[in-house]
N, C-alpha and C. Protein backbone atom coordinates (compact mmCIF):
# COMPACT_ATOMS: atom_id res chain seq x y z
N GLN A 1 -11.41 15.71 -9.68
CA GLN A 1 -11.40 14.95 -8.08
C GLN A 1 -10.32 13.94 -8.01
N VAL A 2 -9.31 13.86 -7.14
CA VAL A 2 -8.54 12.34 -7.22
C VAL A 2 -9.34 11.65 -6.23
N GLN A 3 -9.25 10.75 -6.73
CA GLN A 3 -9.72 9.26 -5.58
C GLN A 3 -8.87 8.26 -5.74
N LEU A 4 -8.33 7.72 -5.14
CA LEU A 4 -7.86 6.59 -4.56
C LEU A 4 -8.38 5.73 -4.02
N VAL A 5 -8.65 4.02 -4.51
CA VAL A 5 -9.84 3.33 -4.06
C VAL A 5 -8.98 2.07 -3.80
N GLU A 6 -9.10 1.32 -2.97
CA GLU A 6 -8.58 0.54 -2.41
C GLU A 6 -9.29 -0.71 -2.54
N SER A 7 -8.91 -2.23 -2.66
CA SER A 7 -9.59 -3.33 -2.64
C SER A 7 -9.20 -4.54 -2.30
N GLY A 8 -9.50 -5.26 -2.19
CA GLY A 8 -8.63 -6.97 -1.62
C GLY A 8 -8.46 -7.35 -0.46
N GLY A 9 -8.57 -6.58 0.75
CA GLY A 9 -8.61 -6.85 2.01
C GLY A 9 -9.38 -7.91 2.47
N GLY A 10 -9.37 -8.59 3.71
CA GLY A 10 -9.86 -9.52 4.05
C GLY A 10 -9.35 -9.81 5.22
N LEU A 11 -9.99 -11.36 5.34
CA LEU A 11 -9.61 -12.33 6.58
C LEU A 11 -8.48 -12.94 5.85
N VAL A 12 -7.76 -13.61 6.42
CA VAL A 12 -6.56 -14.79 6.06
C VAL A 12 -5.98 -15.27 7.13
N GLN A 13 -5.92 -16.88 7.18
CA GLN A 13 -5.15 -17.16 8.53
C GLN A 13 -3.56 -17.10 7.89
N ALA A 14 -2.92 -17.28 9.01
CA ALA A 14 -1.65 -16.87 9.44
C ALA A 14 -0.51 -17.86 8.18
N GLY A 15 0.20 -17.27 7.23
CA GLY A 15 0.90 -17.47 6.87
C GLY A 15 0.19 -17.48 4.88
N GLY A 16 -0.93 -17.32 4.95
CA GLY A 16 -1.84 -17.01 3.75
C GLY A 16 -1.04 -15.54 3.32
N SER A 17 -1.82 -15.53 1.94
CA SER A 17 -1.53 -13.90 0.84
C SER A 17 -2.61 -13.69 0.76
N LEU A 18 -2.62 -12.37 0.52
CA LEU A 18 -3.37 -11.40 -0.13
C LEU A 18 -2.99 -10.51 -1.13
N ASP A 19 -3.89 -10.15 -1.79
CA ASP A 19 -3.08 -8.90 -2.86
C ASP A 19 -4.27 -7.76 -2.94
N LEU A 20 -3.59 -6.61 -2.53
CA LEU A 20 -4.24 -5.45 -2.46
C LEU A 20 -3.83 -4.69 -3.80
N SER A 21 -5.43 -4.06 -4.30
CA SER A 21 -5.10 -3.28 -5.04
C SER A 21 -5.57 -1.52 -5.03
N CYS A 22 -5.11 -0.74 -5.87
CA CYS A 22 -5.39 0.64 -5.62
C CYS A 22 -5.94 1.05 -6.97
N ALA A 23 -6.59 1.85 -7.18
CA ALA A 23 -7.32 2.12 -8.48
C ALA A 23 -7.09 3.69 -8.37
N ALA A 24 -6.33 4.45 -9.07
CA ALA A 24 -6.09 5.91 -9.21
C ALA A 24 -7.25 6.49 -10.33
N SER A 25 -7.67 7.60 -10.33
CA SER A 25 -8.40 8.46 -10.94
C SER A 25 -8.36 10.00 -10.41
N GLY A 26 -8.19 11.04 -11.74
CA GLY A 26 -8.21 12.76 -11.29
C GLY A 26 -7.07 13.08 -11.01
N LEU A 27 -5.77 11.88 -11.59
CA LEU A 27 -4.40 12.77 -11.51
C LEU A 27 -3.83 12.20 -12.25
N THR A 28 -2.60 12.70 -12.76
CA THR A 28 -1.51 12.13 -13.47
C THR A 28 -0.83 10.87 -13.20
N PHE A 29 -1.68 9.89 -13.03
CA PHE A 29 -0.83 8.83 -12.28
C PHE A 29 0.38 8.31 -12.44
N ALA A 30 0.85 8.49 -13.51
CA ALA A 30 2.46 8.27 -13.93
C ALA A 30 3.37 9.29 -13.18
N SER A 31 3.09 10.21 -12.85
CA SER A 31 4.03 11.66 -12.12
C SER A 31 3.92 11.29 -10.96
N PHE A 32 3.63 10.28 -10.23
CA PHE A 32 2.93 10.26 -8.64
C PHE A 32 4.17 9.00 -8.02
N VAL A 33 4.51 8.82 -6.98
CA VAL A 33 5.24 8.16 -6.24
C VAL A 33 3.92 7.44 -5.66
N MET A 34 3.43 6.08 -5.61
CA MET A 34 2.78 5.51 -4.97
C MET A 34 2.96 4.85 -3.45
N GLY A 35 2.31 5.25 -2.76
CA GLY A 35 3.21 3.90 -1.37
C GLY A 35 1.97 3.22 -0.94
N TRP A 36 1.94 2.32 0.49
CA TRP A 36 1.37 1.48 0.92
C TRP A 36 1.69 2.00 2.47
N PHE A 37 0.46 2.06 3.10
CA PHE A 37 0.67 2.39 4.51
C PHE A 37 -0.15 1.49 5.49
N ARG A 38 0.12 1.50 6.91
CA ARG A 38 -0.67 0.61 7.41
C ARG A 38 -1.13 1.69 8.60
N GLN A 39 -2.38 1.05 9.37
CA GLN A 39 -2.77 1.49 10.73
C GLN A 39 -2.95 0.79 11.35
N ALA A 40 -2.67 0.04 12.30
CA ALA A 40 -3.56 -0.41 13.53
C ALA A 40 -4.60 0.00 14.30
N PRO A 41 -5.20 -0.94 15.33
CA PRO A 41 -5.92 0.13 16.09
C PRO A 41 -5.07 0.58 17.35
N GLY A 42 -4.90 2.17 17.67
CA GLY A 42 -4.41 2.54 18.73
C GLY A 42 -2.58 2.56 18.38
N LYS A 43 -2.55 2.54 17.30
CA LYS A 43 -1.06 2.79 16.66
C LYS A 43 -1.05 3.86 15.47
N GLU A 44 -0.12 4.50 15.18
CA GLU A 44 0.42 5.51 14.55
C GLU A 44 0.49 4.71 12.90
N ARG A 45 0.15 5.15 12.24
CA ARG A 45 -0.21 5.00 10.70
C ARG A 45 1.77 4.91 10.24
N GLU A 46 1.75 3.67 9.58
CA GLU A 46 3.36 3.71 9.32
C GLU A 46 3.71 3.24 7.76
N PHE A 47 4.61 3.20 7.34
CA PHE A 47 4.91 2.92 5.92
C PHE A 47 5.10 1.39 5.78
N VAL A 48 4.78 0.87 4.49
CA VAL A 48 4.43 -0.24 4.35
C VAL A 48 5.75 -0.51 2.48
N ALA A 49 5.25 0.38 1.78
CA ALA A 49 6.34 0.11 0.70
C ALA A 49 5.96 1.58 -0.22
N TYR A 50 6.94 1.70 -1.17
CA TYR A 50 6.73 2.78 -2.13
C TYR A 50 7.56 2.15 -3.51
N ILE A 51 6.82 2.74 -4.68
CA ILE A 51 7.29 2.48 -5.86
C ILE A 51 7.60 3.94 -6.42
N HIS A 52 8.61 3.79 -7.17
CA HIS A 52 8.84 5.31 -8.16
C HIS A 52 7.88 5.46 -9.40
N TRP A 53 7.42 6.36 -9.63
CA TRP A 53 6.81 6.52 -10.99
C TRP A 53 6.83 5.90 -12.36
N ASN A 54 8.02 5.08 -12.23
CA ASN A 54 8.79 4.84 -14.00
C ASN A 54 9.00 2.97 -12.76
N SER A 55 8.72 2.46 -11.84
CA SER A 55 8.92 1.64 -11.06
C SER A 55 10.46 1.13 -10.84
N ARG A 56 11.44 1.87 -11.09
CA ARG A 56 12.43 1.73 -11.31
C ARG A 56 12.96 1.78 -9.50
N PHE A 57 12.68 2.39 -8.64
CA PHE A 57 12.88 2.52 -7.29
C PHE A 57 11.67 1.59 -6.56
N THR A 58 12.09 0.90 -5.53
CA THR A 58 11.10 0.60 -4.43
C THR A 58 11.69 0.43 -3.09
N ASN A 59 10.67 0.74 -2.35
CA ASN A 59 11.34 0.64 -0.76
C ASN A 59 10.46 -0.29 -0.02
N TYR A 60 10.54 -0.94 1.14
CA TYR A 60 9.60 -1.71 2.03
C TYR A 60 10.32 -1.42 3.65
N ALA A 61 9.30 -1.50 4.35
CA ALA A 61 9.87 -1.61 5.73
C ALA A 61 10.32 -2.82 6.02
N ASP A 62 11.01 -2.53 7.04
CA ASP A 62 11.83 -3.81 7.49
C ASP A 62 11.07 -5.32 7.65
N SER A 63 9.38 -4.97 8.45
CA SER A 63 9.10 -5.69 8.73
C SER A 63 8.22 -6.45 7.56
N VAL A 64 8.02 -6.04 6.39
CA VAL A 64 7.41 -6.93 5.21
C VAL A 64 8.53 -7.17 4.31
N LYS A 65 9.63 -7.05 4.16
CA LYS A 65 10.85 -7.09 3.36
C LYS A 65 11.17 -8.21 3.53
N GLY A 66 10.61 -8.84 1.75
CA GLY A 66 10.72 -10.09 1.81
C GLY A 66 9.57 -11.37 1.81
N ARG A 67 8.25 -10.35 2.16
CA ARG A 67 6.97 -10.94 2.02
C ARG A 67 6.05 -10.32 0.90
N PHE A 68 6.60 -8.87 1.40
CA PHE A 68 5.17 -8.20 0.43
C PHE A 68 6.26 -7.72 -0.82
N THR A 69 5.37 -7.04 -1.92
CA THR A 69 5.74 -6.98 -2.79
C THR A 69 5.09 -5.74 -3.65
N ILE A 70 5.32 -4.71 -4.27
CA ILE A 70 4.37 -3.43 -4.60
C ILE A 70 4.88 -3.80 -6.31
N SER A 71 4.01 -3.30 -6.93
CA SER A 71 4.08 -2.73 -8.07
C SER A 71 3.03 -1.91 -8.71
N ARG A 72 3.11 -1.32 -10.02
CA ARG A 72 2.12 -0.57 -10.57
C ARG A 72 2.27 -0.83 -12.17
N ASP A 73 0.74 -0.51 -12.87
CA ASP A 73 0.65 -0.21 -13.82
C ASP A 73 0.32 1.21 -14.18
N ASN A 74 0.90 1.70 -14.95
CA ASN A 74 0.52 3.28 -15.45
C ASN A 74 -0.39 3.47 -16.35
N VAL A 75 -0.80 2.53 -17.03
CA VAL A 75 -1.89 2.27 -18.16
C VAL A 75 -3.11 2.37 -17.60
N LYS A 76 -3.21 0.91 -16.51
CA LYS A 76 -4.39 1.14 -15.70
C LYS A 76 -4.67 1.77 -14.75
N LYS A 77 -3.26 2.76 -14.24
CA LYS A 77 -3.94 3.50 -13.11
C LYS A 77 -3.84 2.85 -11.94
N THR A 78 -2.85 1.40 -11.49
CA THR A 78 -3.20 1.29 -10.40
C THR A 78 -1.89 0.38 -9.91
N VAL A 79 -2.18 0.28 -8.49
CA VAL A 79 -0.88 -0.05 -7.55
C VAL A 79 -1.05 -1.28 -6.85
N ILE A 80 -0.66 -2.13 -6.85
CA ILE A 80 -0.54 -3.48 -6.13
C ILE A 80 0.27 -3.70 -5.14
N LEU A 81 -0.13 -4.39 -4.02
CA LEU A 81 0.59 -4.83 -2.87
C LEU A 81 0.29 -6.17 -2.88
N GLN A 82 1.37 -7.42 -2.97
CA GLN A 82 1.51 -8.39 -3.15
C GLN A 82 1.85 -8.56 -1.82
N MET A 83 1.04 -9.65 -0.91
CA MET A 83 1.51 -9.62 0.14
C MET A 83 1.55 -11.43 0.98
N ASN A 84 2.41 -11.78 1.06
CA ASN A 84 2.59 -13.36 1.27
C ASN A 84 2.96 -13.79 2.60
N SER A 85 3.10 -14.60 3.12
CA SER A 85 3.43 -15.44 4.37
C SER A 85 2.88 -14.49 5.71
N LEU A 86 1.85 -14.11 5.73
CA LEU A 86 0.78 -12.59 6.56
C LEU A 86 0.95 -13.38 8.25
N LYS A 87 1.36 -12.44 8.73
CA LYS A 87 1.35 -12.82 9.96
C LYS A 87 0.37 -11.89 10.85
N PRO A 88 -0.05 -12.39 11.83
CA PRO A 88 -0.72 -11.48 12.92
C PRO A 88 -0.85 -10.19 12.94
N GLU A 89 0.38 -9.62 13.18
CA GLU A 89 0.96 -8.84 13.25
C GLU A 89 0.81 -7.82 12.32
N ASP A 90 0.13 -8.09 10.85
CA ASP A 90 0.16 -7.44 9.78
C ASP A 90 -1.18 -7.02 9.81
N THR A 91 -2.22 -7.31 10.72
CA THR A 91 -3.44 -6.77 11.10
C THR A 91 -3.53 -5.18 11.02
N ALA A 92 -4.13 -4.97 9.59
CA ALA A 92 -4.20 -3.23 10.05
C ALA A 92 -5.37 -2.61 8.84
N THR A 93 -5.54 -1.90 8.99
CA THR A 93 -6.07 -0.81 7.74
C THR A 93 -5.33 -0.27 7.28
N TYR A 94 -4.96 -0.95 5.40
CA TYR A 94 -3.83 -0.38 4.73
C TYR A 94 -4.70 0.44 3.67
N TYR A 95 -3.72 1.60 3.70
CA TYR A 95 -4.22 2.80 2.73
C TYR A 95 -3.30 2.59 1.17
N CYS A 96 -3.56 3.78 0.43
CA CYS A 96 -2.76 3.52 -0.52
C CYS A 96 -2.62 5.15 -0.15
N ALA A 97 -1.51 5.90 -1.18
CA ALA A 97 -1.33 6.95 -0.91
C ALA A 97 -0.59 7.67 -2.33
N ALA A 98 -0.57 8.46 -2.64
CA ALA A 98 0.32 9.06 -3.73
C ALA A 98 1.09 10.61 -3.25
N GLY A 99 1.90 10.47 -3.84
CA GLY A 99 3.04 11.97 -3.42
C GLY A 99 3.79 12.34 -4.46
N THR A 100 4.83 12.72 -4.11
CA THR A 100 5.85 13.29 -4.98
C THR A 100 7.07 13.31 -5.01
N LEU A 101 7.40 12.45 -3.71
CA LEU A 101 8.85 12.20 -3.10
C LEU A 101 9.02 10.94 -2.74
N LEU A 102 10.57 10.46 -2.93
CA LEU A 102 10.68 9.05 -2.71
C LEU A 102 10.60 9.21 -1.27
N VAL A 103 10.04 9.16 -0.04
CA VAL A 103 10.01 8.93 1.10
C VAL A 103 8.92 8.37 1.83
N VAL A 104 9.46 7.86 3.23
CA VAL A 104 8.13 6.94 4.13
C VAL A 104 7.61 7.58 4.88
N ALA A 105 7.67 9.10 5.11
CA ALA A 105 6.68 9.92 5.64
C ALA A 105 5.17 10.24 5.46
N PRO A 106 3.97 9.38 5.98
CA PRO A 106 2.92 9.79 5.59
C PRO A 106 2.40 11.24 5.48
N SER A 107 3.32 12.53 6.04
CA SER A 107 2.56 13.59 5.88
C SER A 107 3.35 13.89 4.43
N GLN A 108 4.24 13.54 3.92
CA GLN A 108 5.00 13.88 2.85
C GLN A 108 3.98 13.37 1.15
N TYR A 109 2.82 12.83 1.88
CA TYR A 109 2.19 11.84 0.74
C TYR A 109 0.57 12.74 0.71
N ARG A 110 0.15 13.09 -0.73
CA ARG A 110 -0.49 14.40 -0.76
C ARG A 110 -1.94 13.58 -0.83
N TYR A 111 -2.25 12.43 -1.60
CA TYR A 111 -3.47 12.01 -1.60
C TYR A 111 -3.72 10.84 -0.69
N TRP A 112 -4.51 10.12 -0.37
CA TRP A 112 -5.11 9.23 0.15
C TRP A 112 -6.45 8.51 -0.19
N GLY A 113 -5.90 7.11 0.16
CA GLY A 113 -7.81 6.20 -0.10
C GLY A 113 -7.86 6.35 1.12
N GLN A 114 -9.22 5.32 1.23
CA GLN A 114 -9.52 5.30 2.39
C GLN A 114 -9.72 4.12 2.83
N GLY A 115 -8.80 3.08 2.32
CA GLY A 115 -7.95 2.50 3.24
C GLY A 115 -9.38 0.76 3.29
N THR A 116 -8.58 -0.25 3.59
CA THR A 116 -8.72 -1.52 3.22
C THR A 116 -8.22 -2.66 4.54
N GLN A 117 -9.12 -3.22 5.33
CA GLN A 117 -9.19 -3.83 6.15
C GLN A 117 -8.62 -5.20 5.86
N VAL A 118 -7.21 -5.64 6.23
CA VAL A 118 -6.60 -6.70 6.60
C VAL A 118 -6.61 -7.33 8.09
N THR A 119 -7.21 -8.63 7.94
CA THR A 119 -6.71 -9.34 9.34
C THR A 119 -6.25 -10.35 9.41
N VAL A 120 -5.56 -10.97 10.13
CA VAL A 120 -4.43 -12.38 9.66
C VAL A 120 -4.50 -12.73 11.02
N SER A 121 -5.60 -13.79 10.96
CA SER A 121 -5.96 -14.66 12.31
C SER A 121 -4.65 -15.75 12.51
N SER A 122 -4.41 -15.89 13.94
CA SER A 122 -3.45 -17.15 14.30
C SER A 122 -3.90 -18.42 14.04
């Protein structure tokens, strides 16, 4: 059974930082593209970042470029999202996802975690 478990969310002031972690089990982790997505209340789920299986390629949404960094450890089967200079508009539930393509569309990701809440106060 595939499991993706996010952690690290919380409440932070604007300008602060948080590191989100996603622990994977039940899949050949090193074969999957790993992505982070987020969804704010009343809004559609949106792409944040993805990382190629061997970390060779990464991609970021324009809204987080230069502030967020995605990384992965294929031995520990974890993917990390380092978030700096957080803004109130970053407030959302953040989801980890696994897929096979380097794409930004949530529908193309096969496995999903339950999400972790990030709240940025102004």
